[in-house]
Amino acid sequence: MTFDDPYRRCGLRENPFAHDAGDRRAPPSWVDRGTAAPAEPGRRQLVQVIGVKGAGKTSTLRRWRAAAPGPWRYVPTGARRWRPLPVAPLVYWDEADRAPAAARWWAWRTAARRGATVVAGTHVDLEAEARAAGLSVKSIVMLDISVGELTEWAAQRFAAVGAGPEWTLPESVAGDATAQAGASWRVAGDLLHTWVAQEVAARTVIQWPP
């Protein structure tokens, strides 16, 4: 008995907004939001990317790091957040606000003394403590997603699962999703995942017997 996949019947290999969906060989979807060029090493500076969960902080840091390599530290929750933060001429700290203030203070002072550039993804503004340690600060705030940005991203996701021209994101759906998602691509993706599932159900005509 052959499994009848409703997504394939509708011209999709899978739901394009499922986590990790799409052609694994293709580059990950990316929308240029004007977040500037990668940071330069040795600037005695903090470059902080501030945003809510799912706003694209990690993706931005990883994209910069691909062009300008440096050590990477992801700060987890729990006891491991106490591990010392690495310092290098150019270093990346993801979820930096999870590190205890005492650990950050040591790292700020070390970075300032060595003239390092720290690139940090954070949920909260760390400018005051970094400046107090002697670093200059550049802040990039991840703003709410626009309808145009979501439409561009959706087109990339549809292409990754082999969708044809019949699959485009209606402006009304994009408007509703951006209004609910704010700055979170994760929330927007979950909303569009539900929309595609509903569309597939509506477009699929079940014939019996097959």
C-alpha atoms as a PDB file:
ATOM      1  CA  MET A   1       0.000   0.000   0.000  1.00  0.00           C
ATOM      2  CA  THR A   2       1.487   3.335  -1.060  1.00  0.00           C
ATOM      3  CA  PHE A   3       1.285   6.205   1.397  1.00  0.00           C
ATOM      4  CA  ASP A   4      -0.583   9.140  -0.114  1.00  0.00           C
ATOM      5  CA  ASP A   5       1.298  12.258   0.982  1.00  0.00           C
ATOM      6  CA  PRO A   6      -1.053  15.269   0.753  1.00  0.00           C
ATOM      7  CA  TYR A   7       1.900  17.672   0.563  1.00  0.00           C
ATOM      8  CA  ARG A   8       3.298  15.945  -2.520  1.00  0.00           C
ATOM      9  CA  ARG A   9      -0.150  15.907  -4.074  1.00  0.00           C
ATOM     10  CA  CYS A  10      -0.093  19.687  -3.679  1.00  0.00           C
ATOM     11  CA  GLY A  11       3.365  20.092  -5.186  1.00  0.00           C
ATOM     12  CA  LEU A  12       5.393  20.292  -1.956  1.00  0.00           C
ATOM     13  CA  ARG A  13       8.009  17.814  -0.747  1.00  0.00           C
ATOM     14  CA  GLU A  14       7.032  18.775   2.797  1.00  0.00           C
ATOM     15  CA  ASN A  15       5.713  21.717   4.785  1.00  0.00           C
ATOM     16  CA  PRO A  16       8.270  24.468   4.017  1.00  0.00           C
ATOM     17  CA  PHE A  17       7.898  25.970   7.480  1.00  0.00           C
ATOM     18  CA  ALA A  18       8.576  22.801   9.409  1.00  0.00           C
ATOM     19  CA  HIS A  19      11.773  23.088  11.421  1.00  0.00           C
ATOM     20  CA  ASP A  20      14.753  22.095   9.233  1.00  0.00           C
ATOM     21  CA  ALA A  21      12.540  21.730   6.157  1.00  0.00           C
ATOM     22  CA  GLY A  22      13.872  22.171   2.643  1.00  0.00           C
ATOM     23  CA  ASP A  23      16.804  21.115   0.518  1.00  0.00           C
ATOM     24  CA  ARG A  24      19.636  20.394   2.982  1.00  0.00           C
ATOM     25  CA  ARG A  25      22.178  21.040   0.218  1.00  0.00           C
ATOM     26  CA  ALA A  26      20.997  24.594  -0.372  1.00  0.00           C
ATOM     27  CA  PRO A  27      22.221  27.545   1.700  1.00  0.00           C
ATOM     28  CA  PRO A  28      19.887  28.439   4.581  1.00  0.00           C
ATOM     29  CA  SER A  29      17.233  31.037   3.840  1.00  0.00           C
ATOM     30  CA  TRP A  30      18.388  34.551   4.587  1.00  0.00           C
ATOM     31  CA  VAL A  31      16.777  37.988   4.351  1.00  0.00           C
ATOM     32  CA  ASP A  32      19.145  40.937   4.336  1.00  0.00           C
ATOM     33  CA  ARG A  33      17.866  43.304   7.023  1.00  0.00           C
ATOM     34  CA  GLY A  34      20.710  45.791   6.771  1.00  0.00           C
ATOM     35  CA  THR A  35      22.560  44.489   9.829  1.00  0.00           C
ATOM     36  CA  ALA A  36      25.862  45.817   8.470  1.00  0.00           C
ATOM     37  CA  ALA A  37      29.123  44.037   7.709  1.00  0.00           C
ATOM     38  CA  PRO A  38      30.929  41.623  10.025  1.00  0.00           C
ATOM     39  CA  ALA A  39      32.824  43.184  12.904  1.00  0.00           C
ATOM     40  CA  GLU A  40      36.558  43.759  12.630  1.00  0.00           C
ATOM     41  CA  PRO A  41      39.002  42.268  15.166  1.00  0.00           C
ATOM     42  CA  GLY A  42      41.012  44.296  17.634  1.00  0.00           C
ATOM     43  CA  ARG A  43      38.625  47.245  18.006  1.00  0.00           C
ATOM     44  CA  ARG A  44      38.204  47.221  21.808  1.00  0.00           C
ATOM     45  CA  GLN A  45      34.500  47.088  21.122  1.00  0.00           C
ATOM     46  CA  LEU A  46      31.275  45.273  21.877  1.00  0.00           C
ATOM     47  CA  VAL A  47      28.974  44.719  18.903  1.00  0.00           C
ATOM     48  CA  GLN A  48      25.704  43.539  20.409  1.00  0.00           C
ATOM     49  CA  VAL A  49      22.743  42.149  18.495  1.00  0.00           C
ATOM     50  CA  ILE A  50      19.672  42.604  20.671  1.00  0.00           C
ATOM     51  CA  GLY A  51      16.389  40.813  20.068  1.00  0.00           C
ATOM     52  CA  VAL A  52      13.663  38.558  21.356  1.00  0.00           C
ATOM     53  CA  LYS A  53      13.810  34.772  21.089  1.00  0.00           C
ATOM     54  CA  GLY A  54      13.702  33.766  17.445  1.00  0.00           C
ATOM     55  CA  ALA A  55      14.583  37.220  16.110  1.00  0.00           C
ATOM     56  CA  GLY A  56      17.598  35.955  14.176  1.00  0.00           C
ATOM     57  CA  LYS A  57      20.428  36.851  16.548  1.00  0.00           C
ATOM     58  CA  THR A  58      22.205  33.500  16.219  1.00  0.00           C
ATOM     59  CA  SER A  59      21.747  33.418  12.441  1.00  0.00           C
ATOM     60  CA  THR A  60      23.250  36.897  12.168  1.00  0.00           C
ATOM     61  CA  LEU A  61      26.250  35.975  14.314  1.00  0.00           C
ATOM     62  CA  ARG A  62      26.850  32.768  12.362  1.00  0.00           C
ATOM     63  CA  ARG A  63      26.685  34.610   9.042  1.00  0.00           C
ATOM     64  CA  TRP A  64      29.218  37.190  10.264  1.00  0.00           C
ATOM     65  CA  ARG A  65      31.460  34.474  11.648  1.00  0.00           C
ATOM     66  CA  ALA A  66      31.500  32.684   8.290  1.00  0.00           C
ATOM     67  CA  ALA A  67      33.017  35.831   6.773  1.00  0.00           C
ATOM     68  CA  ALA A  68      35.142  36.832   9.771  1.00  0.00           C
ATOM     69  CA  PRO A  69      36.060  33.722  11.828  1.00  0.00           C
ATOM     70  CA  GLY A  70      36.659  33.741  15.546  1.00  0.00           C
ATOM     71  CA  PRO A  71      36.021  31.595  18.632  1.00  0.00           C
ATOM     72  CA  TRP A  72      32.362  30.899  19.404  1.00  0.00           C
ATOM     73  CA  ARG A  73      30.697  30.435  22.766  1.00  0.00           C
ATOM     74  CA  TYR A  74      27.043  29.542  23.219  1.00  0.00           C
ATOM     75  CA  VAL A  75      25.980  30.249  26.794  1.00  0.00           C
ATOM     76  CA  PRO A  76      23.512  27.587  27.958  1.00  0.00           C
ATOM     77  CA  THR A  77      21.204  27.660  30.925  1.00  0.00           C
ATOM     78  CA  GLY A  78      22.121  25.886  34.143  1.00  0.00           C
ATOM     79  CA  ALA A  79      25.479  25.465  35.810  1.00  0.00           C
ATOM     80  CA  ARG A  80      27.472  25.573  32.561  1.00  0.00           C
ATOM     81  CA  ARG A  81      26.655  29.245  32.137  1.00  0.00           C
ATOM     82  CA  TRP A  82      29.377  29.889  34.718  1.00  0.00           C
ATOM     83  CA  ARG A  83      32.111  28.719  32.354  1.00  0.00           C
ATOM     84  CA  PRO A  84      34.491  31.623  31.559  1.00  0.00           C
ATOM     85  CA  LEU A  85      33.702  33.480  28.367  1.00  0.00           C
ATOM     86  CA  PRO A  86      36.522  33.245  25.799  1.00  0.00           C
ATOM     87  CA  VAL A  87      38.337  36.391  24.700  1.00  0.00           C
ATOM     88  CA  ALA A  88      40.148  36.731  21.365  1.00  0.00           C
ATOM     89  CA  PRO A  89      40.836  39.527  18.858  1.00  0.00           C
ATOM     90  CA  LEU A  90      37.376  38.702  17.438  1.00  0.00           C
ATOM     91  CA  VAL A  91      35.090  36.501  19.509  1.00  0.00           C
ATOM     92  CA  TYR A  92      31.402  35.560  19.370  1.00  0.00           C
ATOM     93  CA  TRP A  93      29.180  35.077  22.419  1.00  0.00           C
ATOM     94  CA  ASP A  94      25.683  33.760  21.734  1.00  0.00           C
ATOM     95  CA  GLU A  95      23.060  34.270  24.476  1.00  0.00           C
ATOM     96  CA  ALA A  96      25.586  36.449  26.313  1.00  0.00           C
ATOM     97  CA  ASP A  97      23.046  37.761  28.825  1.00  0.00           C
ATOM     98  CA  ARG A  98      22.742  34.250  30.289  1.00  0.00           C
ATOM     99  CA  ALA A  99      26.303  34.428  31.604  1.00  0.00           C
ATOM    100  CA  PRO A 100      26.449  35.608  35.228  1.00  0.00           C
ATOM    101  CA  ALA A 101      27.293  39.297  35.644  1.00  0.00           C
ATOM    102  CA  ALA A 102      30.557  38.413  37.422  1.00  0.00           C
ATOM    103  CA  ALA A 103      31.665  36.227  34.492  1.00  0.00           C
ATOM    104  CA  ARG A 104      30.781  38.947  32.023  1.00  0.00           C
ATOM    105  CA  TRP A 105      32.629  41.588  34.046  1.00  0.00           C
ATOM    106  CA  TRP A 106      35.842  39.561  33.977  1.00  0.00           C
ATOM    107  CA  ALA A 107      35.431  39.001  30.239  1.00  0.00           C
ATOM    108  CA  TRP A 108      34.684  42.686  29.526  1.00  0.00           C
ATOM    109  CA  ARG A 109      37.786  43.780  31.417  1.00  0.00           C
ATOM    110  CA  THR A 110      39.927  41.187  29.675  1.00  0.00           C
ATOM    111  CA  ALA A 111      38.551  42.204  26.274  1.00  0.00           C
ATOM    112  CA  ALA A 112      39.252  45.868  26.958  1.00  0.00           C
ATOM    113  CA  ARG A 113      42.777  45.136  28.177  1.00  0.00           C
ATOM    114  CA  ARG A 114      43.543  43.056  25.073  1.00  0.00           C
ATOM    115  CA  GLY A 115      41.797  45.393  22.650  1.00  0.00           C
ATOM    116  CA  ALA A 116      39.373  42.668  21.538  1.00  0.00           C
ATOM    117  CA  THR A 117      36.141  42.861  19.575  1.00  0.00           C
ATOM    118  CA  VAL A 118      33.266  40.989  21.201  1.00  0.00           C
ATOM    119  CA  VAL A 119      30.208  40.188  19.086  1.00  0.00           C
ATOM    120  CA  ALA A 120      27.305  39.199  21.315  1.00  0.00           C
ATOM    121  CA  GLY A 121      23.775  38.004  20.770  1.00  0.00           C
ATOM    122  CA  THR A 122      21.653  39.067  23.728  1.00  0.00           C
ATOM    123  CA  HIS A 123      18.092  39.540  24.899  1.00  0.00           C
ATOM    124  CA  VAL A 124      18.986  42.569  27.026  1.00  0.00           C
ATOM    125  CA  ASP A 125      21.122  45.661  26.475  1.00  0.00           C
ATOM    126  CA  LEU A 126      24.648  45.093  27.840  1.00  0.00           C
ATOM    127  CA  GLU A 127      26.011  48.506  26.862  1.00  0.00           C
ATOM    128  CA  ALA A 128      26.372  50.008  30.340  1.00  0.00           C
ATOM    129  CA  GLU A 129      28.523  47.221  31.778  1.00  0.00           C
ATOM    130  CA  ALA A 130      30.667  46.950  28.635  1.00  0.00           C
ATOM    131  CA  ARG A 131      31.337  50.709  28.600  1.00  0.00           C
ATOM    132  CA  ALA A 132      32.153  50.648  32.308  1.00  0.00           C
ATOM    133  CA  ALA A 133      34.849  48.074  31.539  1.00  0.00           C
ATOM    134  CA  GLY A 134      36.371  50.265  28.823  1.00  0.00           C
ATOM    135  CA  LEU A 135      34.764  49.024  25.591  1.00  0.00           C
ATOM    136  CA  SER A 136      33.041  51.120  22.976  1.00  0.00           C
ATOM    137  CA  VAL A 137      29.626  49.753  22.002  1.00  0.00           C
ATOM    138  CA  LYS A 138      27.717  49.329  18.762  1.00  0.00           C
ATOM    139  CA  SER A 139      24.149  48.097  19.142  1.00  0.00           C
ATOM    140  CA  ILE A 140      21.955  46.451  16.513  1.00  0.00           C
ATOM    141  CA  VAL A 141      18.328  45.949  17.535  1.00  0.00           C
ATOM    142  CA  MET A 142      16.348  43.307  15.646  1.00  0.00           C
ATOM    143  CA  LEU A 143      13.149  45.134  14.708  1.00  0.00           C
ATOM    144  CA  ASP A 144       9.714  43.736  13.909  1.00  0.00           C
ATOM    145  CA  ILE A 145       9.503  41.739  10.685  1.00  0.00           C
ATOM    146  CA  SER A 146       7.916  43.577   7.762  1.00  0.00           C
ATOM    147  CA  VAL A 147       5.438  42.082   5.312  1.00  0.00           C
ATOM    148  CA  GLY A 148       8.013  42.408   2.527  1.00  0.00           C
ATOM    149  CA  GLU A 149      10.691  40.619   4.546  1.00  0.00           C
ATOM    150  CA  LEU A 150       8.363  37.781   5.475  1.00  0.00           C
ATOM    151  CA  THR A 151       7.224  37.421   1.862  1.00  0.00           C
ATOM    152  CA  GLU A 152      10.855  37.216   0.675  1.00  0.00           C
ATOM    153  CA  TRP A 153      11.684  34.621   3.332  1.00  0.00           C
ATOM    154  CA  ALA A 154       8.570  32.583   2.514  1.00  0.00           C
ATOM    155  CA  ALA A 155       9.505  32.516  -1.174  1.00  0.00           C
ATOM    156  CA  GLN A 156      12.900  31.049  -0.263  1.00  0.00           C
ATOM    157  CA  ARG A 157      11.274  28.415   1.936  1.00  0.00           C
ATOM    158  CA  PHE A 158       8.789  27.447  -0.772  1.00  0.00           C
ATOM    159  CA  ALA A 159      11.593  27.123  -3.327  1.00  0.00           C
ATOM    160  CA  ALA A 160      13.522  24.853  -0.945  1.00  0.00           C
ATOM    161  CA  VAL A 161      10.705  22.278  -1.005  1.00  0.00           C
ATOM    162  CA  GLY A 162      10.126  22.417  -4.747  1.00  0.00           C
ATOM    163  CA  ALA A 163       6.979  24.535  -4.705  1.00  0.00           C
ATOM    164  CA  GLY A 164       5.607  25.792  -7.996  1.00  0.00           C
ATOM    165  CA  PRO A 165       4.166  29.226  -8.818  1.00  0.00           C
ATOM    166  CA  GLU A 166       0.823  28.272  -7.298  1.00  0.00           C
ATOM    167  CA  TRP A 167       2.442  28.592  -3.881  1.00  0.00           C
ATOM    168  CA  THR A 168       2.911  32.220  -2.896  1.00  0.00           C
ATOM    169  CA  LEU A 169       2.263  33.956   0.388  1.00  0.00           C
ATOM    170  CA  PRO A 170      -0.844  36.153   0.219  1.00  0.00           C
ATOM    171  CA  GLU A 171      -0.301  39.666   1.531  1.00  0.00           C
ATOM    172  CA  SER A 172      -3.195  39.267   3.956  1.00  0.00           C
ATOM    173  CA  VAL A 173      -1.613  36.162   5.477  1.00  0.00           C
ATOM    174  CA  ALA A 174       1.774  37.883   5.684  1.00  0.00           C
ATOM    175  CA  GLY A 175       0.159  40.878   7.358  1.00  0.00           C
ATOM    176  CA  ASP A 176      -1.579  38.759   9.975  1.00  0.00           C
ATOM    177  CA  ALA A 177       1.587  36.756  10.656  1.00  0.00           C
ATOM    178  CA  THR A 178       3.836  39.796  11.066  1.00  0.00           C
ATOM    179  CA  ALA A 179       1.303  41.458  13.355  1.00  0.00           C
ATOM    180  CA  GLN A 180       1.361  38.428  15.650  1.00  0.00           C
ATOM    181  CA  ALA A 181       5.066  37.580  15.352  1.00  0.00           C
ATOM    182  CA  GLY A 182       6.610  40.979  16.038  1.00  0.00           C
ATOM    183  CA  ALA A 183      10.354  40.444  15.684  1.00  0.00           C
ATOM    184  CA  SER A 184      10.314  36.651  16.014  1.00  0.00           C
ATOM    185  CA  TRP A 185      10.957  34.625  12.868  1.00  0.00           C
ATOM    186  CA  ARG A 186      10.284  31.516  14.922  1.00  0.00           C
ATOM    187  CA  VAL A 187       6.737  32.627  15.726  1.00  0.00           C
ATOM    188  CA  ALA A 188       6.200  33.737  12.114  1.00  0.00           C
ATOM    189  CA  GLY A 189       7.388  30.360  10.855  1.00  0.00           C
ATOM    190  CA  ASP A 190       5.064  28.497  13.197  1.00  0.00           C
ATOM    191  CA  LEU A 191       2.115  30.597  12.016  1.00  0.00           C
ATOM    192  CA  LEU A 192       2.943  29.946   8.364  1.00  0.00           C
ATOM    193  CA  HIS A 193       3.422  26.238   9.096  1.00  0.00           C
ATOM    194  CA  THR A 194      -0.189  26.145  10.310  1.00  0.00           C
ATOM    195  CA  TRP A 195      -1.391  28.157   7.307  1.00  0.00           C
ATOM    196  CA  VAL A 196       0.276  25.798   4.802  1.00  0.00           C
ATOM    197  CA  ALA A 197      -1.154  22.751   6.596  1.00  0.00           C
ATOM    198  CA  GLN A 198      -4.633  24.262   6.353  1.00  0.00           C
ATOM    199  CA  GLU A 199      -4.103  25.132   2.689  1.00  0.00           C
ATOM    200  CA  VAL A 200      -2.956  21.601   1.894  1.00  0.00           C
ATOM    201  CA  ALA A 201      -6.005  20.169   3.627  1.00  0.00           C
ATOM    202  CA  ALA A 202      -8.283  22.507   1.672  1.00  0.00           C
ATOM    203  CA  ARG A 203      -6.577  21.798  -1.680  1.00  0.00           C
ATOM    204  CA  THR A 204      -6.424  18.032  -1.270  1.00  0.00           C
ATOM    205  CA  VAL A 205      -9.345  16.182  -2.759  1.00  0.00           C
ATOM    206  CA  ILE A 206      -9.632  12.729  -1.207  1.00  0.00           C
ATOM    207  CA  GLN A 207     -11.003  10.204  -3.647  1.00  0.00           C
ATOM    208  CA  TRP A 208     -12.471   6.925  -2.444  1.00  0.00           C
ATOM    209  CA  PRO A 209     -11.721   4.336  -3.488  1.00  0.00           C
ATOM    210  CA  PRO A 210      -8.181   5.516  -4.498  1.00  0.00           C
END
